[in-house]
Amino acid sequence: MSPSLPACPRRSAPLLVHAATLVLLALAVHATPARGQTLDDGLTLPRRQLRVGVEYGHDRWDRYWEGTLRRSNENIGTLTTQSVTWTAGYGVTSRLTVFATIPHVWTRASEGVLQEMRGWQDVTVAAKLGLLERRVADRATVGTVLLVAVGAPISDYTPDFLPLSIGLGARRATARGVVHLRDHTGVFAEAGAGHTWRSTVHLDRPAYYTDGHLVLSDEVAMPDVFDYAVGAGYQRGGLRLPIMLVGQRTLGGGDIRRQDMPFVSNRMDFVRLQARAMYALPRARGVMLGAGFARTLTGRNVGQSTTLWAGLTTVFGL
């Protein structure tokens, strides 16, 4: 990750980021109560329920895996990635929920000459369909959910400046299945797996070197990705506490070359432990607060990061 690369220009954060957050906070006092639920879990929203939320994320690392070698880099120091993500979900029926998410991301390295990057990343539109729900032994409920999603960049950010790039720049399509088992005591278990197909990416240069080959083109083939998650938790009333082990495996791609920058099509694998808490405020109808923590346990061509989240969701019955 050479310090001689050209720096990216600094830009101030758009006022829209702050304005939209204030709007969501103001809407909270008029909402109606609902259970906690995220894009990737095994739950769907009730019919005609609208959910709008905003979440702040803070991710940082000072060590990363260069292939399988865990190391630090004085040209980066500590890499910090922050994001503000807006989400909206709507229960079309009791079994079908549609979602959209848009994140604004900014990155910064504490050392070296690499300048921060910021901007709107990728929009994601998804649908969750409840396929099966059954009672088990008169005390538990098991359900399955299918999620399909598509995503694409919404700004002209460059993916060719990792690890400062705010995204990978590929269009993508995802299919994921989730099985959810909940006991009448509120204890639940969940498992899911998915596959993401990714489009080619175009660089602002006529050639590149990766995986031991020189390629005379600006087009990069992006490998597909497999992901999985298993975990358990507790949900009762307005409280939901999931703890998950989340993994990603890239189906192709090479490793970072020794003393080089990451490349957009590198293999990026990890296993991460994460915990979240979501709570519906009893005296603020329809307002839900959320917080979370994640730690990367093992990886390949990714940072050994610690991530914190905090968010607010409002729920409306239409």
Foldseek 3Di string as FASTA:
>chain_A
DDLPDDADDDDDDDVVLVVVVVVQVVCQLVFAADADDDDPAFAAGAAQKKKKKKKKKKKKFQWAAQFQDIDGDQQFGMKIKIKIKIKMKHHNHRFKMKMKMKMWMKMGGPHGDHGIDTGIFKMKIKMKGWDDWDDDPNWKIKTKIKMKMKMATPDDWALFDPPRGPDLGWTKIKIKMKMKMAGNQFKIKMKMKMKMATAKDFHPDQWDDFPHDIGRGRIGHAFIKIKMKIWIWGDDDFKTKIKIWIWMWTPDADGRPPPHHDGSRHIKIWIKIKMKMKGDDPVRRQKIKMKMWMFTDGIGNGGRMIMIMIMIMGMHRD
